Amino acid sequence: QVQLEESGGGFVQAGGSLRLSCTASESVFRRNDMGWYRQAPGKQRELVASLIGGGTKNYADSVKGRFTIARTANGYTVFLQMNSLKPDDSGIYYCNYRQFWGQGTQVTVSS
């Protein structure tokens, strides 16, 4: 059983930045796939960024050039650096590894 814990969400004005963290109870991110998802009210959960095999980085078109995903060398934590935030980026952000999900962290971007 892998436990995931997100942190770093908050309230920010448009154009601002936040850095989210996802910390796992085991070193699972060094070589395995993981993803950051977000869910806005009334919308489906969507994949925002992913780390494939611990190295390849993929981004949704809506966040390319603004978000950066990265992990620590020990494989316990993955970050999501979010810059130039927009109100549409608001939602609950979740960390996912296989069938495991974190509890989510709220991001609110005001216009």
C-alpha atoms as a PDB file:
ATOM      1  CA  GLN A   1       0.000   0.000   0.000  1.00  0.00           C
ATOM      2  CA  VAL A   2       1.581   3.248  -1.167  1.00  0.00           C
ATOM      3  CA  GLN A   3       0.449   6.452   0.479  1.00  0.00           C
ATOM      4  CA  LEU A   4       0.627   9.721  -1.399  1.00  0.00           C
ATOM      5  CA  GLU A   5       0.384  13.140   0.151  1.00  0.00           C
ATOM      6  CA  GLU A   6       0.048  16.377  -1.776  1.00  0.00           C
ATOM      7  CA  SER A   7       0.875  19.805  -0.442  1.00  0.00           C
ATOM      8  CA  GLY A   8       1.539  23.313  -1.671  1.00  0.00           C
ATOM      9  CA  GLY A   9      -1.879  24.382  -2.867  1.00  0.00           C
ATOM     10  CA  GLY A  10      -3.347  27.722  -2.007  1.00  0.00           C
ATOM     11  CA  PHE A  11      -4.869  30.945  -3.206  1.00  0.00           C
ATOM     12  CA  VAL A  12      -2.994  33.028  -5.763  1.00  0.00           C
ATOM     13  CA  GLN A  13      -3.738  35.838  -8.168  1.00  0.00           C
ATOM     14  CA  ALA A  14      -3.620  35.296 -11.913  1.00  0.00           C
ATOM     15  CA  GLY A  15      -0.047  35.389 -13.127  1.00  0.00           C
ATOM     16  CA  GLY A  16       1.274  34.015  -9.877  1.00  0.00           C
ATOM     17  CA  SER A  17       3.052  30.769  -9.096  1.00  0.00           C
ATOM     18  CA  LEU A  18       2.669  27.784  -6.838  1.00  0.00           C
ATOM     19  CA  ARG A  19       4.718  24.648  -6.330  1.00  0.00           C
ATOM     20  CA  LEU A  20       2.899  21.466  -5.491  1.00  0.00           C
ATOM     21  CA  SER A  21       4.576  18.488  -3.887  1.00  0.00           C
ATOM     22  CA  CYS A  22       3.580  14.852  -3.844  1.00  0.00           C
ATOM     23  CA  THR A  23       5.418  12.716  -1.340  1.00  0.00           C
ATOM     24  CA  ALA A  24       5.107   8.941  -1.351  1.00  0.00           C
ATOM     25  CA  SER A  25       5.571   6.503   1.496  1.00  0.00           C
ATOM     26  CA  GLU A  26       7.964   4.527  -0.706  1.00  0.00           C
ATOM     27  CA  SER A  27      10.530   5.439  -3.333  1.00  0.00           C
ATOM     28  CA  VAL A  28       8.196   4.812  -6.253  1.00  0.00           C
ATOM     29  CA  PHE A  29       8.870   7.740  -8.529  1.00  0.00           C
ATOM     30  CA  ARG A  30      12.433   7.017  -9.559  1.00  0.00           C
ATOM     31  CA  ARG A  31      11.551   4.559 -12.328  1.00  0.00           C
ATOM     32  CA  ASN A  32       7.769   4.370 -12.415  1.00  0.00           C
ATOM     33  CA  ASP A  33       5.024   6.339 -14.085  1.00  0.00           C
ATOM     34  CA  MET A  34       3.057   8.918 -12.177  1.00  0.00           C
ATOM     35  CA  GLY A  35       0.707  11.759 -12.938  1.00  0.00           C
ATOM     36  CA  TRP A  36      -0.651  15.024 -11.652  1.00  0.00           C
ATOM     37  CA  TYR A  37      -4.385  15.424 -12.228  1.00  0.00           C
ATOM     38  CA  ARG A  38      -6.766  18.228 -11.490  1.00  0.00           C
ATOM     39  CA  GLN A  39     -10.490  18.439 -11.106  1.00  0.00           C
ATOM     40  CA  ALA A  40     -12.498  21.626 -11.293  1.00  0.00           C
ATOM     41  CA  PRO A  41     -16.063  21.817  -9.943  1.00  0.00           C
ATOM     42  CA  GLY A  42     -18.487  20.167 -12.346  1.00  0.00           C
ATOM     43  CA  LYS A  43     -15.707  18.892 -14.576  1.00  0.00           C
ATOM     44  CA  GLN A  44     -13.991  15.571 -15.069  1.00  0.00           C
ATOM     45  CA  ARG A  45     -10.631  14.905 -13.603  1.00  0.00           C
ATOM     46  CA  GLU A  46      -7.962  15.626 -16.202  1.00  0.00           C
ATOM     47  CA  LEU A  47      -4.304  14.716 -16.533  1.00  0.00           C
ATOM     48  CA  VAL A  48      -2.143  17.809 -16.263  1.00  0.00           C
ATOM     49  CA  ALA A  49       1.369  16.421 -16.277  1.00  0.00           C
ATOM     50  CA  SER A  50       3.013  13.039 -16.093  1.00  0.00           C
ATOM     51  CA  LEU A  51       6.380  11.516 -15.477  1.00  0.00           C
ATOM     52  CA  ILE A  52       7.045   8.348 -17.464  1.00  0.00           C
ATOM     53  CA  GLY A  53       9.610   5.872 -16.247  1.00  0.00           C
ATOM     54  CA  GLY A  54      10.918   8.453 -13.850  1.00  0.00           C
ATOM     55  CA  GLY A  55      12.266  10.551 -16.704  1.00  0.00           C
ATOM     56  CA  THR A  56      10.073  11.489 -19.663  1.00  0.00           C
ATOM     57  CA  LYS A  57       7.812  14.442 -18.986  1.00  0.00           C
ATOM     58  CA  ASN A  58       4.464  15.039 -20.630  1.00  0.00           C
ATOM     59  CA  TYR A  59       2.081  17.957 -20.287  1.00  0.00           C
ATOM     60  CA  ALA A  60      -1.451  18.790 -21.233  1.00  0.00           C
ATOM     61  CA  ASP A  61      -1.584  21.407 -23.992  1.00  0.00           C
ATOM     62  CA  SER A  62      -3.273  23.838 -21.641  1.00  0.00           C
ATOM     63  CA  VAL A  63      -0.253  23.948 -19.303  1.00  0.00           C
ATOM     64  CA  LYS A  64       2.691  23.520 -21.660  1.00  0.00           C
ATOM     65  CA  GLY A  65       5.304  26.181 -21.134  1.00  0.00           C
ATOM     66  CA  ARG A  66       3.851  27.135 -17.742  1.00  0.00           C
ATOM     67  CA  PHE A  67       4.041  23.969 -15.635  1.00  0.00           C
ATOM     68  CA  THR A  68       7.084  21.845 -14.933  1.00  0.00           C
ATOM     69  CA  ILE A  69       7.120  18.399 -13.385  1.00  0.00           C
ATOM     70  CA  ALA A  70      10.213  17.116 -11.630  1.00  0.00           C
ATOM     71  CA  ARG A  71      11.173  14.534  -9.047  1.00  0.00           C
ATOM     72  CA  THR A  72      13.745  14.209  -6.345  1.00  0.00           C
ATOM     73  CA  ALA A  73      16.686  11.912  -6.968  1.00  0.00           C
ATOM     74  CA  ASN A  74      15.594   9.545  -4.204  1.00  0.00           C
ATOM     75  CA  GLY A  75      12.228   8.999  -5.883  1.00  0.00           C
ATOM     76  CA  TYR A  76      10.034   9.911  -2.929  1.00  0.00           C
ATOM     77  CA  THR A  77       8.723  13.270  -4.116  1.00  0.00           C
ATOM     78  CA  VAL A  78       7.434  14.782  -7.320  1.00  0.00           C
ATOM     79  CA  PHE A  79       6.939  18.501  -7.740  1.00  0.00           C
ATOM     80  CA  LEU A  80       4.665  20.442 -10.024  1.00  0.00           C
ATOM     81  CA  GLN A  81       5.910  23.977 -10.518  1.00  0.00           C
ATOM     82  CA  MET A  82       3.067  26.095 -11.804  1.00  0.00           C
ATOM     83  CA  ASN A  83       3.821  29.527 -13.237  1.00  0.00           C
ATOM     84  CA  SER A  84       1.699  32.147 -14.979  1.00  0.00           C
ATOM     85  CA  LEU A  85      -1.355  30.707 -13.339  1.00  0.00           C
ATOM     86  CA  LYS A  86      -4.779  31.378 -14.802  1.00  0.00           C
ATOM     87  CA  PRO A  87      -8.241  31.144 -13.229  1.00  0.00           C
ATOM     88  CA  ASP A  88      -8.866  28.052 -15.388  1.00  0.00           C
ATOM     89  CA  ASP A  89      -6.060  26.316 -13.506  1.00  0.00           C
ATOM     90  CA  SER A  90      -8.179  26.327 -10.363  1.00  0.00           C
ATOM     91  CA  GLY A  91      -9.233  22.992  -8.949  1.00  0.00           C
ATOM     92  CA  ILE A  92      -8.169  20.182  -6.725  1.00  0.00           C
ATOM     93  CA  TYR A  93      -4.843  18.732  -7.773  1.00  0.00           C
ATOM     94  CA  TYR A  94      -4.226  15.045  -7.213  1.00  0.00           C
ATOM     95  CA  CYS A  95      -1.132  12.917  -7.349  1.00  0.00           C
ATOM     96  CA  ASN A  96      -1.498   9.454  -8.844  1.00  0.00           C
ATOM     97  CA  TYR A  97       0.694   6.365  -8.910  1.00  0.00           C
ATOM     98  CA  ARG A  98      -0.864   3.180 -10.274  1.00  0.00           C
ATOM     99  CA  GLN A  99      -4.094   2.680  -8.335  1.00  0.00           C
ATOM    100  CA  PHE A 100      -3.039   5.013  -5.555  1.00  0.00           C
ATOM    101  CA  TRP A 101      -4.253   8.573  -5.178  1.00  0.00           C
ATOM    102  CA  GLY A 102      -3.491  11.333  -2.746  1.00  0.00           C
ATOM    103  CA  GLN A 103      -6.191  13.304  -0.984  1.00  0.00           C
ATOM    104  CA  GLY A 104      -5.667  16.328  -3.212  1.00  0.00           C
ATOM    105  CA  THR A 105      -4.652  19.915  -2.643  1.00  0.00           C
ATOM    106  CA  GLN A 106      -6.795  22.898  -3.567  1.00  0.00           C
ATOM    107  CA  VAL A 107      -5.525  25.514  -5.991  1.00  0.00           C
ATOM    108  CA  THR A 108      -7.527  28.686  -6.445  1.00  0.00           C
ATOM    109  CA  VAL A 109      -6.471  31.328  -8.951  1.00  0.00           C
ATOM    110  CA  SER A 110      -8.296  34.631  -8.834  1.00  0.00           C
ATOM    111  CA  SER A 111      -8.683  36.889 -11.861  1.00  0.00           C
END
